[in-house]
């Protein structure tokens, strides 16, 4: 593999943080510091300036960073082409997934992928949609899977499949018997929603605005950081919410929550996001193809 010291240096230089680099590389911070110290001893010069808890590249560090970028890119290209000839699919794949997708979609997808490609090591980072997009932008993950619109034109955004959202309420709520409900009908009821930065929150906010109301007009009682917390709060009678139907399999089966269709329906895309200029390793290519095949099966299942 490419010189480990160079890979560690490149990650620190890109993130300008020893802590973030250690997290990204799944190393301890002392181990990262040791690798950088070794490289600085090799060149007999400092590669980073450290002041007031911030780091920046020295002139020598800038030179090493530019060459490291090219060296690592060439190494990855070489590795990819050789593995294409030999048929091997292996290596590390970093995937970022927004909360809903990580909890309800990714496990089955990755389970099937690992059976087919056991030599690929997968690491998953979870955040809300905005956090995952930032990770893709900063090259902290190879691929992001999110459920909110992405506006960065430097990123490739591919719709994988569509997700239906519904209103949820306690079984004894007066809205539980409705066959459908509009956004305007929800004004005044205590409403539970996801946190700022959540893709689900963004989609619901846009839906309200497109249908004659807004999230600011809603009686927002509480905000939560995960679908599970939202569902538990609704079950406890703390309010109503709108949530992905994909997250409700258990609750529908056990009849612990009532669901009501929205009129008009609220459907959002789940999308794959990656850097437009990023060199795609063989493992990344295989995962992209696998994910799209998986999505086609999902669509077929939905149609059936």
Protein backbone atom coordinates (compact mmCIF):
# COMPACT_ATOMS: atom_id res chain seq x y z
CA UNK A 1 0.00 0.00 0.00
CA UNK A 2 1.04 3.65 -0.31
CA UNK A 3 3.35 4.93 2.44
CA UNK A 4 1.27 5.03 5.63
CA UNK A 5 2.96 8.20 6.85
CA UNK A 6 1.99 9.96 3.63
CA UNK A 7 -1.63 8.82 3.90
CA UNK A 8 -1.85 10.03 7.50
CA UNK A 9 -0.21 13.34 6.61
CA UNK A 10 -2.56 13.84 3.66
CA UNK A 11 -5.63 13.25 5.86
CA UNK A 12 -4.42 15.68 8.56
CA UNK A 13 -3.56 18.29 5.91
CA UNK A 14 -6.94 17.93 4.23
CA UNK A 15 -8.93 18.20 7.46
CA UNK A 16 -6.47 20.50 9.27
CA UNK A 17 -7.19 18.57 12.44
CA UNK A 18 -5.35 15.74 14.17
CA UNK A 19 -8.55 14.77 15.99
CA UNK A 20 -10.69 14.60 12.83
CA UNK A 21 -7.92 12.75 10.99
CA UNK A 22 -7.66 10.18 13.77
CA UNK A 23 -11.41 9.66 13.63
CA UNK A 24 -11.42 9.39 9.83
CA UNK A 25 -8.51 6.92 9.82
CA UNK A 26 -9.81 4.98 12.84
CA UNK A 27 -6.54 5.58 14.65
CA UNK A 28 -5.72 7.06 18.03
CA UNK A 29 -4.57 10.67 18.04
CA UNK A 30 -1.13 9.76 19.49
CA UNK A 31 -0.66 7.29 16.61
CA UNK A 32 -1.47 10.02 14.09
CA UNK A 33 0.92 12.43 15.82
CA UNK A 34 3.67 9.76 15.75
CA UNK A 35 3.26 9.22 11.99
CA UNK A 36 3.47 12.97 11.33
CA UNK A 37 6.54 13.29 13.56
CA UNK A 38 8.23 10.47 11.63
CA UNK A 39 7.54 12.20 8.31
CA UNK A 40 8.83 15.52 9.66
CA UNK A 41 11.99 13.79 10.86
CA UNK A 42 12.41 12.21 7.43
CA UNK A 43 12.24 15.61 5.72
CA UNK A 44 14.06 17.29 8.63
CA UNK A 45 11.51 20.12 8.70
CA UNK A 46 8.17 21.02 10.19
CA UNK A 47 5.17 20.30 7.98
CA UNK A 48 2.58 21.98 10.23
CA UNK A 49 2.49 25.19 12.25
CA UNK A 50 0.63 24.71 15.52
CA UNK A 51 -0.76 27.88 17.12
CA UNK A 52 -3.70 28.50 19.46
CA UNK A 53 -5.11 24.99 19.03
CA UNK A 54 -5.12 25.44 15.25
CA UNK A 55 -2.81 23.94 12.65
CA UNK A 56 -1.78 25.14 9.22
CA UNK A 57 0.60 23.87 6.59
CA UNK A 58 4.11 25.27 6.37
CA UNK A 59 5.58 25.98 2.93
CA UNK A 60 7.21 22.55 3.03
CA UNK A 61 3.90 21.05 4.14
CA UNK A 62 2.13 22.63 1.16
CA UNK A 63 4.67 21.02 -1.17
CA UNK A 64 4.28 17.60 0.43
CA UNK A 65 0.49 17.94 0.35
CA UNK A 66 0.42 18.69 -3.40
CA UNK A 67 2.65 15.71 -4.18
CA UNK A 68 0.83 13.43 -1.73
CA UNK A 69 -2.44 14.19 -3.51
CA UNK A 70 -0.99 13.06 -6.84
CA UNK A 71 0.86 10.07 -5.40
CA UNK A 72 -2.17 8.69 -3.55
CA UNK A 73 -4.43 9.27 -6.58
CA UNK A 74 -1.97 7.39 -8.82
CA UNK A 75 -1.66 4.59 -6.29
CA UNK A 76 -5.44 4.21 -6.13
CA UNK A 77 -5.66 4.22 -9.92
CA UNK A 78 -2.97 1.54 -10.18
CA UNK A 79 -4.62 -0.58 -7.49
CA UNK A 80 -8.00 -0.26 -9.20
CA UNK A 81 -6.72 -1.26 -12.65
CA UNK A 82 -4.82 -4.29 -11.34
CA UNK A 83 -7.85 -5.46 -9.38
CA UNK A 84 -10.03 -4.96 -12.44
CA UNK A 85 -7.75 -7.43 -14.27
CA UNK A 86 -7.65 -9.94 -11.43
CA UNK A 87 -11.33 -9.61 -10.54
CA UNK A 88 -10.56 -8.83 -6.89
CA UNK A 89 -12.90 -6.47 -5.05
CA UNK A 90 -11.42 -5.47 -1.74
CA UNK A 91 -10.33 -2.46 0.29
CA UNK A 92 -11.97 0.08 2.56
CA UNK A 93 -15.28 1.74 1.67
CA UNK A 94 -16.45 4.72 3.75
CA UNK A 95 -20.19 5.30 3.64
CA UNK A 96 -22.11 8.15 5.25
CA UNK A 97 -25.80 7.67 5.93
CA UNK A 98 -28.42 10.04 7.28
CA UNK A 99 -30.17 8.88 10.44
CA UNK A 100 -33.34 7.40 8.95
CA UNK A 101 -31.43 5.56 6.22
CA UNK A 102 -28.80 4.29 8.65
CA UNK A 103 -31.42 2.85 10.99
CA UNK A 104 -33.88 1.35 8.51
CA UNK A 105 -32.34 0.98 5.04
CA UNK A 106 -28.58 0.50 5.25
CA UNK A 107 -28.44 -2.67 7.41
CA UNK A 108 -30.18 -4.91 4.84
CA UNK A 109 -28.32 -3.30 1.92
CA UNK A 110 -24.89 -3.73 3.52
CA UNK A 111 -25.70 -7.24 4.70
CA UNK A 112 -26.37 -8.34 1.12
CA UNK A 113 -23.34 -6.45 -0.21
CA UNK A 114 -20.97 -8.05 2.33
CA UNK A 115 -22.17 -11.54 1.38
CA UNK A 116 -21.23 -10.83 -2.23
CA UNK A 117 -18.01 -8.91 -1.48
CA UNK A 118 -16.63 -10.20 1.85
CA UNK A 119 -13.16 -8.69 1.25
CA UNK A 120 -14.50 -5.13 1.26
CA UNK A 121 -14.26 -3.48 4.67
CA UNK A 122 -17.15 -1.09 5.20
CA UNK A 123 -17.29 1.70 7.74
CA UNK A 124 -20.48 3.71 8.20
CA UNK A 125 -20.74 7.20 9.62
CA UNK A 126 -24.15 8.46 10.70
CA UNK A 127 -25.38 12.05 10.90
CA UNK A 128 -28.31 14.10 9.68
CA UNK A 129 -28.46 14.88 5.96
CA UNK A 130 -26.55 18.17 6.17
CA UNK A 131 -23.80 16.47 8.17
CA UNK A 132 -23.46 13.67 5.61
CA UNK A 133 -23.26 16.11 2.69
CA UNK A 134 -20.48 17.97 4.53
CA UNK A 135 -18.63 14.67 4.98
CA UNK A 136 -18.85 14.00 1.23
CA UNK A 137 -17.68 17.54 0.45
CA UNK A 138 -14.70 17.14 2.82
CA UNK A 139 -13.86 13.70 1.43
CA UNK A 140 -14.44 12.10 4.84
CA UNK A 141 -16.65 9.45 3.21
CA UNK A 142 -16.66 7.97 -0.29
CA UNK A 143 -20.45 7.90 -0.71
CA UNK A 144 -23.29 9.56 1.15
CA UNK A 145 -26.89 8.34 1.24
CA UNK A 146 -29.35 11.04 2.25
CA UNK A 147 -33.05 11.88 2.07
CA UNK A 148 -32.99 15.61 1.42
CA UNK A 149 -32.25 17.72 -1.67
CA UNK A 150 -28.55 18.41 -2.37
CA UNK A 151 -27.65 21.68 -4.10
CA UNK A 152 -23.83 21.43 -4.35
CA UNK A 153 -23.06 21.26 -8.10
CA UNK A 154 -19.66 19.69 -7.41
CA UNK A 155 -21.44 16.59 -6.13
CA UNK A 156 -23.12 13.90 -8.18
CA UNK A 157 -26.63 13.17 -6.88
CA UNK A 158 -28.32 9.98 -8.06
CA UNK A 159 -31.87 9.14 -6.97
CA UNK A 160 -31.95 5.57 -5.76
CA UNK A 161 -35.54 5.02 -4.64
CA UNK A 162 -38.51 6.91 -3.25
CA UNK A 163 -39.85 7.00 0.27
CA UNK A 164 -43.43 7.71 1.31
CA UNK A 165 -44.15 9.80 4.42
CA UNK A 166 -47.33 9.58 6.49
CA UNK A 167 -48.92 11.20 9.52
CA UNK A 168 -48.65 9.21 12.76
CA UNK A 169 -50.79 9.64 15.85
CA UNK A 170 -51.90 7.62 18.89
CA UNK A 171 -54.53 4.98 18.14
CA UNK A 172 -57.12 6.80 20.27
CA UNK A 173 -56.54 10.20 18.63
CA UNK A 174 -59.53 11.76 16.86
CA UNK A 175 -57.56 11.87 13.57
CA UNK A 176 -56.73 8.16 13.72
CA UNK A 177 -59.82 7.16 11.76
CA UNK A 178 -59.19 9.53 8.83
CA UNK A 179 -58.32 8.00 5.46
CA UNK A 180 -56.29 11.08 4.51
CA UNK A 181 -55.41 14.53 5.80
CA UNK A 182 -54.08 17.81 4.40
CA UNK A 183 -51.25 19.96 5.76
CA UNK A 184 -53.69 22.73 6.71
CA UNK A 185 -55.72 20.30 8.84
CA UNK A 186 -52.69 19.80 11.12
CA UNK A 187 -52.35 23.44 12.19
CA UNK A 188 -53.07 23.81 15.90
CA UNK A 189 -52.25 20.26 16.94
CA UNK A 190 -49.06 19.69 19.00
CA UNK A 191 -46.51 18.66 16.38
CA UNK A 192 -43.27 16.73 16.93
CA UNK A 193 -40.46 17.14 14.43
CA UNK A 194 -36.85 16.30 13.78
CA UNK A 195 -33.94 18.61 14.58
CA UNK A 196 -32.55 21.40 12.36
CA UNK A 197 -30.41 19.85 9.60
CA UNK A 198 -32.54 16.73 9.34
CA UNK A 199 -33.53 15.77 5.81
CA UNK A 200 -36.95 14.69 7.05
CA UNK A 201 -37.55 18.11 8.61
CA UNK A 202 -36.49 19.89 5.40
CA UNK A 203 -38.82 17.78 3.27
CA UNK A 204 -41.78 18.32 5.63
CA UNK A 205 -41.10 22.07 5.74
CA UNK A 206 -41.10 22.27 1.93
CA UNK A 207 -44.26 20.18 1.75
CA UNK A 208 -46.11 22.53 4.12
CA UNK A 209 -45.04 25.60 2.13
CA UNK A 210 -46.14 23.99 -1.14
CA UNK A 211 -49.54 23.27 0.38
CA UNK A 212 -50.58 26.61 1.81
CA UNK A 213 -49.00 26.60 5.28
CA UNK A 214 -45.54 26.54 6.89
CA UNK A 215 -43.65 24.78 9.66
CA UNK A 216 -43.57 28.08 11.59
CA UNK A 217 -47.38 28.03 11.75
CA UNK A 218 -47.35 24.60 13.36
CA UNK A 219 -47.60 24.16 17.11
CA UNK A 220 -44.15 22.56 17.46
CA UNK A 221 -44.17 20.92 20.87
CA UNK A 222 -40.80 19.15 20.75
CA UNK A 223 -37.85 18.36 18.47
CA UNK A 224 -36.02 15.03 18.38
CA UNK A 225 -32.80 13.68 16.90
CA UNK A 226 -34.04 10.32 15.60
CA UNK A 227 -37.14 8.63 14.19
CA UNK A 228 -37.29 6.27 17.18
CA UNK A 229 -37.55 9.21 19.59
CA UNK A 230 -40.31 10.78 17.49
CA UNK A 231 -42.31 7.54 17.41
CA UNK A 232 -41.95 6.98 21.16
CA UNK A 233 -43.13 10.54 21.86
CA UNK A 234 -46.17 10.12 19.60
CA UNK A 235 -47.02 6.80 21.29
CA UNK A 236 -46.83 8.63 24.64
CA UNK A 237 -49.45 11.12 23.42
CA UNK A 238 -47.12 14.14 23.22
CA UNK A 239 -48.22 15.13 19.73
CA UNK A 240 -48.52 14.19 16.06
CA UNK A 241 -45.73 13.80 13.53
CA UNK A 242 -44.95 13.01 9.91
CA UNK A 243 -42.48 10.21 9.38
CA UNK A 244 -41.16 7.76 6.80
CA UNK A 245 -43.42 4.79 6.22
CA UNK A 246 -40.27 2.67 5.97
CA UNK A 247 -39.62 3.23 9.68
CA UNK A 248 -43.05 1.99 10.80
CA UNK A 249 -42.97 -1.74 10.05
CA UNK A 250 -42.87 -2.75 13.73
CA UNK A 251 -45.45 -0.20 14.88
CA UNK A 252 -47.90 -1.07 12.11
CA UNK A 253 -47.52 -4.77 12.87
CA UNK A 254 -48.07 -4.28 16.60
CA UNK A 255 -50.74 -1.59 16.03
CA UNK A 256 -49.07 0.77 18.51
CA UNK A 257 -49.53 3.78 16.21
CA UNK A 258 -52.17 4.90 13.75
CA UNK A 259 -51.10 6.12 10.31
CA UNK A 260 -52.97 8.52 8.03
CA UNK A 261 -52.09 9.18 4.39
CA UNK A 262 -51.25 12.75 3.43
CA UNK A 263 -53.25 14.51 0.73
CA UNK A 264 -51.51 15.23 -1.57
CA UNK A 265 -49.01 12.42 -0.92
CA UNK A 266 -45.54 13.32 0.36
CA UNK A 267 -42.85 11.33 -1.44
CA UNK A 268 -39.14 12.06 -1.21
CA UNK A 269 -36.10 10.57 -2.94
CA UNK A 270 -33.33 8.67 -1.19
CA UNK A 271 -30.17 9.70 -3.03
CA UNK A 272 -26.57 8.57 -3.44
CA UNK A 273 -24.12 11.48 -3.25
CA UNK A 274 -20.42 11.55 -4.13
CA UNK A 275 -17.79 13.95 -5.40
CA UNK A 276 -17.92 14.62 -9.13
CA UNK A 277 -14.14 14.55 -9.50
CA UNK A 278 -13.49 11.71 -7.07
CA UNK A 279 -11.57 8.72 -8.43
CA UNK A 280 -13.86 5.73 -7.97
CA UNK A 281 -12.16 2.72 -6.44
CA UNK A 282 -13.32 -0.72 -7.53
CA UNK A 283 -15.14 -1.27 -4.22
CA UNK A 284 -16.95 2.04 -4.69
CA UNK A 285 -17.96 1.15 -8.26
CA UNK A 286 -19.28 -2.24 -7.17
CA UNK A 287 -21.24 -0.70 -4.30
CA UNK A 288 -22.83 1.90 -6.57
CA UNK A 289 -23.94 -0.80 -9.01
CA UNK A 290 -25.15 -3.01 -6.17
CA UNK A 291 -27.11 -0.15 -4.57
CA UNK A 292 -28.85 0.67 -7.86
CA UNK A 293 -29.78 -3.01 -8.36
CA UNK A 294 -31.09 -3.11 -4.81
CA UNK A 295 -33.16 0.00 -5.50
CA UNK A 296 -34.66 -1.53 -8.64
CA UNK A 297 -35.75 -4.54 -6.58
CA UNK A 298 -37.30 -2.15 -4.03
CA UNK A 299 -39.23 -0.39 -6.80
CA UNK A 300 -40.42 -3.72 -8.21
CA UNK A 301 -41.53 -4.77 -4.75
CA UNK A 302 -43.36 -1.47 -4.25
CA UNK A 303 -45.10 -1.81 -7.60
CA UNK A 304 -46.15 -5.33 -6.73
